[in-house]
């Protein structure tokens, strides 16, 4: 294949092979080979939908809100199943990422997410096997009101709020103690942006509601 030509792939057929709470589809794909020519492959894709994860931060207290619950994937892998991670959930049909972030924060922690903004438009969880894409949203929360156990009992949710200092959150990511990928990404983003965030909100008085008193998070202009 010429170096200036990008390889392409196209779906020729799709078959649903499992149709439960989650879906599994079998795809027939015709794809270019890097060294020229084409080939046909069949791949299974776990269809879960797209999701949002929320980095809730209180700049006055310099704290981050995580949640702890049993993760069956960890249990299946032989790891300790109760882990800390960002609040997160699936985006409902017709729902925006921001609306989903507000809803999930309230459902999983009982807290209102103020001044939310998207800090990453979406990264794929494991692109070789699932189409799920997770958008990362940053927002302000009042950590003086954090605590307790939340979630929908009818859905088997038992979600405990976990309050951590931002430095500890970042250290846990760097040490490998934090094992949730979306939370790792958020921790490294916070490490790069915490000084700016604290400066941005320094003039405010704690957590403001969405009334324009607290400025939204903005990207810094690139350095010359």
Protein backbone atom coordinates (compact mmCIF):
# COMPACT_ATOMS: atom_id res chain seq x y z
CA UNK A 1 0.00 0.00 0.00
CA UNK A 2 1.39 3.48 -0.87
CA UNK A 3 2.58 5.33 2.23
CA UNK A 4 0.36 8.34 1.47
CA UNK A 5 -2.82 6.19 1.44
CA UNK A 6 -4.57 5.48 4.70
CA UNK A 7 -5.87 1.92 5.10
CA UNK A 8 -9.65 1.62 5.03
CA UNK A 9 -12.19 -0.89 6.32
CA UNK A 10 -15.88 -1.42 5.66
CA UNK A 11 -18.61 -3.47 7.32
CA UNK A 12 -20.22 -5.99 4.99
CA UNK A 13 -22.62 -7.68 7.43
CA UNK A 14 -23.75 -7.55 11.08
CA UNK A 15 -25.42 -10.32 13.10
CA UNK A 16 -26.65 -10.01 16.68
CA UNK A 17 -25.48 -13.07 18.57
CA UNK A 18 -26.53 -12.04 22.09
CA UNK A 19 -29.40 -9.74 23.02
CA UNK A 20 -29.61 -9.25 26.78
CA UNK A 21 -28.97 -6.26 29.06
CA UNK A 22 -25.82 -5.84 26.95
CA UNK A 23 -25.55 -6.79 23.30
CA UNK A 24 -22.95 -8.71 21.31
CA UNK A 25 -22.80 -8.33 17.52
CA UNK A 26 -20.73 -10.26 15.00
CA UNK A 27 -19.25 -8.10 12.24
CA UNK A 28 -17.97 -9.16 8.83
CA UNK A 29 -15.36 -6.63 7.75
CA UNK A 30 -13.38 -6.13 4.57
CA UNK A 31 -10.12 -4.34 5.35
CA UNK A 32 -6.96 -3.10 3.68
CA UNK A 33 -3.69 -4.75 4.68
CA UNK A 34 -0.76 -2.48 5.59
CA UNK A 35 1.51 -4.11 3.03
CA UNK A 36 -1.09 -4.10 0.28
CA UNK A 37 -4.13 -6.08 -0.70
CA UNK A 38 -7.28 -6.76 1.30
CA UNK A 39 -8.65 -9.43 3.58
CA UNK A 40 -11.96 -10.35 5.17
CA UNK A 41 -12.25 -10.81 8.94
CA UNK A 42 -15.02 -11.56 11.42
CA UNK A 43 -15.01 -9.82 14.80
CA UNK A 44 -17.27 -9.81 17.88
CA UNK A 45 -18.20 -6.40 19.34
CA UNK A 46 -19.61 -5.85 22.81
CA UNK A 47 -22.34 -3.21 22.39
CA UNK A 48 -22.79 -1.29 25.61
CA UNK A 49 -23.55 2.23 24.41
CA UNK A 50 -21.57 5.35 25.27
CA UNK A 51 -20.87 6.64 28.76
CA UNK A 52 -19.79 9.65 30.76
CA UNK A 53 -17.42 9.89 33.74
CA UNK A 54 -17.39 12.87 36.09
CA UNK A 55 -14.46 14.50 37.85
CA UNK A 56 -16.15 16.34 40.71
CA UNK A 57 -13.80 18.80 42.39
CA UNK A 58 -14.11 21.24 45.28
CA UNK A 59 -11.38 23.89 44.81
CA UNK A 60 -11.97 25.42 48.23
CA UNK A 61 -11.32 22.13 50.04
CA UNK A 62 -9.03 20.76 47.31
CA UNK A 63 -10.92 17.48 47.30
CA UNK A 64 -12.12 15.03 44.67
CA UNK A 65 -15.25 12.87 44.87
CA UNK A 66 -14.94 9.17 44.02
CA UNK A 67 -17.37 6.30 44.49
CA UNK A 68 -16.79 2.79 45.76
CA UNK A 69 -18.83 -0.19 44.63
CA UNK A 70 -18.45 -3.83 43.71
CA UNK A 71 -17.12 -4.26 40.15
CA UNK A 72 -17.91 -7.71 38.78
CA UNK A 73 -15.21 -7.40 36.11
CA UNK A 74 -12.57 -7.17 38.83
CA UNK A 75 -14.09 -10.14 40.61
CA UNK A 76 -14.06 -12.18 37.41
CA UNK A 77 -10.39 -11.26 36.88
CA UNK A 78 -9.48 -12.44 40.38
CA UNK A 79 -8.85 -8.94 41.75
CA UNK A 80 -10.37 -7.28 44.81
CA UNK A 81 -13.82 -6.23 43.55
CA UNK A 82 -14.53 -3.11 45.65
CA UNK A 83 -12.71 -0.22 44.00
CA UNK A 84 -12.72 3.57 43.99
CA UNK A 85 -13.46 5.32 40.69
CA UNK A 86 -15.07 8.41 39.23
CA UNK A 87 -18.87 8.53 39.25
CA UNK A 88 -19.95 7.34 35.81
CA UNK A 89 -22.83 5.94 33.84
CA UNK A 90 -24.38 5.36 30.47
CA UNK A 91 -25.70 8.22 28.34
CA UNK A 92 -29.41 7.77 27.71
CA UNK A 93 -30.82 8.06 24.20
CA UNK A 94 -31.27 11.73 23.28
CA UNK A 95 -29.32 12.89 26.34
CA UNK A 96 -26.29 15.16 26.13
CA UNK A 97 -23.02 14.30 27.85
CA UNK A 98 -23.45 17.23 30.25
CA UNK A 99 -27.02 16.24 31.16
CA UNK A 100 -25.88 12.65 31.71
CA UNK A 101 -23.06 13.87 33.96
CA UNK A 102 -25.45 15.94 36.08
CA UNK A 103 -27.87 13.01 36.37
CA UNK A 104 -25.25 10.43 37.24
CA UNK A 105 -23.60 12.67 39.83
CA UNK A 106 -26.93 13.17 41.59
CA UNK A 107 -27.91 9.49 41.37
CA UNK A 108 -24.56 8.10 42.54
CA UNK A 109 -23.53 10.70 45.13
CA UNK A 110 -26.56 12.87 45.94
CA UNK A 111 -24.59 15.98 44.94
CA UNK A 112 -25.32 18.69 42.38
CA UNK A 113 -22.69 19.10 39.65
CA UNK A 114 -22.08 22.80 39.03
CA UNK A 115 -20.46 24.46 36.02
CA UNK A 116 -19.77 21.23 34.15
CA UNK A 117 -17.52 21.23 31.09
CA UNK A 118 -16.20 18.49 28.84
CA UNK A 119 -12.46 17.91 29.33
CA UNK A 120 -12.23 15.03 26.83
CA UNK A 121 -14.83 14.41 24.11
CA UNK A 122 -14.55 10.65 24.40
CA UNK A 123 -11.99 7.84 24.47
CA UNK A 124 -12.65 4.21 23.68
CA UNK A 125 -12.48 1.73 26.54
CA UNK A 126 -11.10 -1.20 24.52
CA UNK A 127 -11.50 -0.51 20.83
CA UNK A 128 -10.58 -4.05 19.79
CA UNK A 129 -13.71 -5.49 21.37
CA UNK A 130 -16.26 -2.83 22.32
CA UNK A 131 -17.70 0.31 20.76
CA UNK A 132 -18.12 2.04 24.14
CA UNK A 133 -16.76 5.57 24.29
CA UNK A 134 -16.41 7.49 27.57
CA UNK A 135 -16.63 11.29 27.71
CA UNK A 136 -14.88 12.96 30.65
CA UNK A 137 -16.69 15.86 32.32
CA UNK A 138 -15.26 18.21 34.97
CA UNK A 139 -17.48 20.09 37.40
CA UNK A 140 -17.64 21.67 40.83
CA UNK A 141 -19.18 19.94 43.84
CA UNK A 142 -19.71 21.00 47.44
CA UNK A 143 -17.72 18.38 49.31
CA UNK A 144 -19.07 19.57 52.68
CA UNK A 145 -22.28 17.79 51.63
CA UNK A 146 -20.60 14.60 50.38
CA UNK A 147 -20.99 11.22 52.03
CA UNK A 148 -23.31 8.30 52.47
CA UNK A 149 -24.45 5.44 50.26
CA UNK A 150 -26.43 6.08 47.10
CA UNK A 151 -27.65 4.47 43.88
CA UNK A 152 -30.79 2.67 42.74
CA UNK A 153 -31.46 -0.24 45.08
CA UNK A 154 -33.84 -1.76 42.52
CA UNK A 155 -30.90 -1.99 40.12
CA UNK A 156 -28.63 -3.55 42.73
CA UNK A 157 -26.57 -0.39 43.16
CA UNK A 158 -24.79 0.11 46.47
CA UNK A 159 -22.50 3.10 45.91
CA UNK A 160 -20.48 4.67 48.70
CA UNK A 161 -19.12 8.22 48.37
CA UNK A 162 -15.36 8.52 48.89
CA UNK A 163 -13.71 11.87 49.62
CA UNK A 164 -10.02 12.19 48.76
CA UNK A 165 -7.55 15.06 48.70
CA UNK A 166 -6.54 15.88 45.15
CA UNK A 167 -2.86 15.15 45.86
CA UNK A 168 -3.77 11.69 47.15
CA UNK A 169 -5.93 11.05 44.09
CA UNK A 170 -2.99 11.93 41.84
CA UNK A 171 -0.52 9.88 43.93
CA UNK A 172 -2.79 6.83 43.76
CA UNK A 173 -2.81 7.15 39.98
CA UNK A 174 0.95 7.48 39.78
CA UNK A 175 1.59 4.54 42.14
CA UNK A 176 -0.77 2.14 40.39
CA UNK A 177 -3.16 1.92 43.34
CA UNK A 178 -5.90 3.46 41.17
CA UNK A 179 -6.89 0.78 38.66
CA UNK A 180 -9.80 2.35 36.82
CA UNK A 181 -8.65 3.70 33.44
CA UNK A 182 -11.04 6.65 33.16
CA UNK A 183 -10.11 7.71 36.70
CA UNK A 184 -6.41 7.46 35.83
CA UNK A 185 -6.90 9.80 32.86
CA UNK A 186 -8.83 12.26 35.04
CA UNK A 187 -6.13 12.16 37.74
CA UNK A 188 -3.39 13.05 35.27
CA UNK A 189 -5.58 15.81 33.79
CA UNK A 190 -6.10 17.22 37.27
CA UNK A 191 -2.36 17.07 37.98
CA UNK A 192 -1.77 19.25 34.91
CA UNK A 193 -4.62 21.66 35.61
CA UNK A 194 -5.00 21.95 39.39
CA UNK A 195 -2.92 25.11 39.77
CA UNK A 196 -4.90 26.80 37.02
CA UNK A 197 -8.21 25.67 38.50
CA UNK A 198 -7.40 26.94 41.97
CA UNK A 199 -6.30 30.27 40.53
CA UNK A 200 -9.43 30.43 38.40
CA UNK A 201 -11.74 29.93 41.38
CA UNK A 202 -9.64 31.75 43.99
CA UNK A 203 -11.83 34.85 43.84
CA UNK A 204 -15.00 32.84 44.40
CA UNK A 205 -16.60 31.91 47.71
CA UNK A 206 -16.68 28.13 47.58
CA UNK A 207 -19.08 26.49 45.16
CA UNK A 208 -21.37 28.67 43.10
CA UNK A 209 -24.43 27.44 41.25
CA UNK A 210 -24.85 27.85 37.51
CA UNK A 211 -25.59 31.55 37.74
CA UNK A 212 -22.51 32.98 36.10
CA UNK A 213 -20.73 33.85 39.34
CA UNK A 214 -18.19 31.08 38.94
CA UNK A 215 -16.45 31.13 35.56
CA UNK A 216 -16.46 27.92 33.50
CA UNK A 217 -13.30 25.96 32.96
CA UNK A 218 -11.48 27.14 29.87
CA UNK A 219 -8.50 25.74 28.05
CA UNK A 220 -5.30 27.68 28.40
CA UNK A 221 -3.95 29.17 25.18
CA UNK A 222 -0.90 27.30 23.85
CA UNK A 223 2.43 28.63 25.00
CA UNK A 224 4.39 30.48 22.30
